[in-house]
Amino acid sequence: MGNNILIQFVMQPILILGVIFHFVMGFVLEIKNRNSRAVGYAEYDGSANSSWMSRNMIISGAAILAFIGLHFYDFWIPEITTKYIEGDTSGMINGNFRYYEELVHKFQPLWRVVLYCLSFILLSLHLLHGFASAFQSLGVPSMRNKIIKTIGNIYAIGIPLGFIFIALYHFAIH
């Protein structure tokens, strides 16, 4: 993917713009929801009608955006710099793939491993609510909702767990 023109110059910008759009629209929705009631509830028990994650999507989203900034700083900016500023598209340093060396180097400090793991836990919680909620917003019938929720749960837990494993593994072996 690192040298695929379709990925690098078409899909990657679309993904970045999609994330930015999602984040901006999340804030717009949060503001609209907060301003939709002229008078607040006399007694409000949020947990009675919604999960903790659904009430805190904006917080987890902001934390994920901060994490994306760290991830860009750690991996994406060095990648772009090496490829397009320095002109090295080989991916090699002294006969070894530089990606592995960068990964090992980034996951040596404990604080970074902890930060990555916490970020992936927040991503998992964000996806656990957001995946099924998106389909509900699109009007998918409730009989299909169980299948979508199961697929969403597998995705929302499996992907972040895989990345947590990578961080912990490289911290433990080096």
Protein backbone atom coordinates (compact mmCIF):
# COMPACT_ATOMS: atom_id res chain seq x y z
CA MET A 1 0.00 0.00 0.00
CA GLY A 2 2.93 2.31 0.67
CA ASN A 3 3.78 2.58 -3.02
CA ASN A 4 0.32 2.10 -4.52
CA ILE A 5 -0.61 5.33 -6.30
CA LEU A 6 -4.36 4.69 -5.87
CA ILE A 7 -3.93 4.33 -2.09
CA GLN A 8 -1.42 7.15 -1.65
CA PHE A 9 -3.03 9.84 -3.78
CA VAL A 10 -6.73 8.92 -3.92
CA MET A 11 -7.80 6.80 -0.95
CA GLN A 12 -5.56 8.37 1.71
CA PRO A 13 -6.78 11.94 1.10
CA ILE A 14 -10.39 10.68 1.00
CA LEU A 15 -9.86 8.90 4.33
CA ILE A 16 -8.29 11.99 5.93
CA LEU A 17 -11.10 14.24 4.67
CA GLY A 18 -13.67 11.68 5.84
CA VAL A 19 -12.22 11.67 9.36
CA ILE A 20 -12.19 15.47 9.46
CA PHE A 21 -15.79 15.60 8.18
CA HIS A 22 -16.87 12.99 10.76
CA PHE A 23 -15.25 14.95 13.58
CA VAL A 24 -16.74 18.30 12.51
CA MET A 25 -20.20 16.78 12.05
CA GLY A 26 -19.91 15.13 15.48
CA PHE A 27 -19.37 18.54 17.04
CA VAL A 28 -22.23 20.04 15.01
CA LEU A 29 -24.55 17.24 16.15
CA GLU A 30 -23.43 17.65 19.78
CA ILE A 31 -24.14 21.40 19.67
CA LYS A 32 -27.53 20.87 18.01
CA ASN A 33 -28.49 18.24 20.59
CA ARG A 34 -27.52 20.47 23.51
CA ASN A 35 -29.42 23.43 22.09
CA SER A 36 -32.54 21.47 21.12
CA ARG A 37 -34.27 21.88 24.50
CA ALA A 38 -35.02 25.41 25.60
CA VAL A 39 -35.71 24.15 29.12
CA GLY A 40 -33.65 21.36 30.65
CA TYR A 41 -35.09 18.30 32.32
CA ALA A 42 -36.25 18.76 35.92
CA GLU A 43 -34.56 15.49 36.77
CA TYR A 44 -32.13 13.84 34.38
CA ASP A 45 -30.86 10.28 34.67
CA GLY A 46 -28.90 9.71 31.48
CA SER A 47 -28.12 6.09 32.30
CA ALA A 48 -31.83 5.24 32.33
CA ASN A 49 -32.16 5.73 28.58
CA SER A 50 -28.67 5.56 27.11
CA SER A 51 -25.28 3.99 27.59
CA TRP A 52 -22.27 5.83 28.98
CA MET A 53 -20.65 5.63 25.55
CA SER A 54 -23.58 7.19 23.72
CA ARG A 55 -23.56 10.12 26.16
CA ASN A 56 -19.81 10.61 25.79
CA MET A 57 -19.15 10.15 22.09
CA ILE A 58 -17.81 13.70 21.84
CA ILE A 59 -15.25 13.03 24.58
CA SER A 60 -14.05 9.75 23.09
CA GLY A 61 -14.04 11.36 19.63
CA ALA A 62 -11.86 14.24 20.84
CA ALA A 63 -9.47 11.79 22.52
CA ILE A 64 -9.31 9.72 19.32
CA LEU A 65 -8.58 12.86 17.29
CA ALA A 66 -5.71 13.71 19.66
CA PHE A 67 -4.45 10.16 19.26
CA ILE A 68 -4.61 10.49 15.47
CA GLY A 69 -2.41 13.58 15.83
CA LEU A 70 0.14 11.54 17.81
CA HIS A 71 -0.09 8.70 15.31
CA PHE A 72 0.52 11.11 12.42
CA TYR A 73 3.51 12.54 14.29
CA ASP A 74 4.90 9.08 15.04
CA PHE A 75 4.31 7.32 11.72
CA TRP A 76 2.61 9.23 8.92
CA ILE A 77 4.72 12.42 8.85
CA PRO A 78 8.03 10.48 8.90
CA GLU A 79 6.65 8.29 6.10
CA ILE A 80 5.67 11.25 3.94
CA THR A 81 8.97 13.00 4.70
CA THR A 82 11.03 9.95 3.76
CA LYS A 83 9.11 9.23 0.58
CA TYR A 84 8.34 12.63 -0.87
CA ILE A 85 10.88 15.04 0.61
CA GLU A 86 13.93 12.78 0.84
CA GLY A 87 12.81 10.74 -2.17
CA ASP A 88 13.51 7.33 -0.62
CA THR A 89 10.76 4.92 -1.65
CA SER A 90 12.72 1.73 -0.96
CA GLY A 91 11.58 1.39 2.66
CA MET A 92 15.03 0.08 3.55
CA ILE A 93 17.70 1.24 6.02
CA ASN A 94 20.99 -0.68 6.03
CA GLY A 95 19.30 -3.62 4.32
CA ASN A 96 16.41 -3.79 6.83
CA PHE A 97 12.85 -2.59 6.42
CA ARG A 98 12.66 0.76 8.20
CA TYR A 99 9.02 0.27 9.16
CA TYR A 100 9.88 -2.44 11.66
CA GLU A 101 12.71 -0.39 13.18
CA GLU A 102 10.43 2.65 13.52
CA LEU A 103 7.74 0.52 15.15
CA VAL A 104 10.17 -0.98 17.65
CA HIS A 105 11.59 2.45 18.46
CA LYS A 106 8.17 4.05 19.00
CA PHE A 107 6.99 1.35 21.41
CA GLN A 108 9.99 1.41 23.75
CA PRO A 109 8.81 4.17 26.13
CA LEU A 110 6.15 2.91 28.56
CA TRP A 111 4.19 6.18 28.44
CA ARG A 112 3.70 5.83 24.67
CA VAL A 113 2.55 2.21 24.95
CA VAL A 114 0.07 3.16 27.69
CA LEU A 115 -1.18 6.12 25.63
CA TYR A 116 -1.65 3.96 22.54
CA CYS A 117 -3.45 1.23 24.52
CA LEU A 118 -5.80 3.73 26.21
CA SER A 119 -6.49 5.35 22.84
CA PHE A 120 -7.38 2.01 21.31
CA ILE A 121 -9.68 1.20 24.24
CA LEU A 122 -11.47 4.53 23.65
CA LEU A 123 -11.62 3.75 19.94
CA SER A 124 -13.20 0.40 20.75
CA LEU A 125 -15.83 2.02 22.99
CA HIS A 126 -16.49 4.69 20.35
CA LEU A 127 -16.96 2.04 17.64
CA LEU A 128 -19.11 -0.19 19.87
CA HIS A 129 -21.70 2.56 20.02
CA GLY A 130 -21.12 4.25 16.69
CA PHE A 131 -21.22 1.25 14.37
CA ALA A 132 -24.69 0.03 15.35
CA SER A 133 -25.93 3.59 15.85
CA ALA A 134 -25.00 4.54 12.29
CA PHE A 135 -27.12 1.73 10.86
CA GLN A 136 -29.99 2.60 13.19
CA SER A 137 -29.83 6.19 11.94
CA LEU A 138 -30.04 4.89 8.36
CA GLY A 139 -33.28 3.08 9.25
CA VAL A 140 -32.06 -0.51 9.03
CA PRO A 141 -34.87 -2.79 10.26
CA SER A 142 -34.51 -4.10 13.81
CA MET A 143 -34.42 -7.75 12.69
CA ARG A 144 -31.16 -7.04 10.87
CA ASN A 145 -29.90 -4.93 13.75
CA LYS A 146 -28.75 -8.03 15.69
CA ILE A 147 -26.53 -9.15 12.80
CA ILE A 148 -25.13 -5.65 12.36
CA LYS A 149 -24.53 -5.32 16.10
CA THR A 150 -22.68 -8.66 16.18
CA ILE A 151 -20.49 -7.71 13.21
CA GLY A 152 -19.93 -4.27 14.74
CA ASN A 153 -18.93 -5.76 18.10
CA ILE A 154 -16.44 -8.14 16.47
CA TYR A 155 -14.93 -5.25 14.49
CA ALA A 156 -14.99 -2.73 17.35
CA ILE A 157 -13.25 -5.11 19.72
CA GLY A 158 -11.06 -7.10 17.32
CA ILE A 159 -9.29 -4.28 15.47
CA PRO A 160 -8.30 -2.25 18.56
CA LEU A 161 -7.25 -5.45 20.37
CA GLY A 162 -4.97 -6.29 17.46
CA PHE A 163 -3.29 -2.89 17.67
CA ILE A 164 -3.01 -3.14 21.46
CA PHE A 165 -1.31 -6.51 20.99
CA ILE A 166 1.22 -4.95 18.58
CA ALA A 167 2.11 -2.19 21.06
CA LEU A 168 2.38 -4.55 24.04
CA TYR A 169 4.30 -7.18 22.07
CA HIS A 170 6.95 -4.74 20.84
CA PHE A 171 7.27 -3.19 24.27
CA ALA A 172 7.69 -6.61 25.91
CA ILE A 173 10.28 -8.03 23.50
CA HIS A 174 12.54 -4.98 23.38
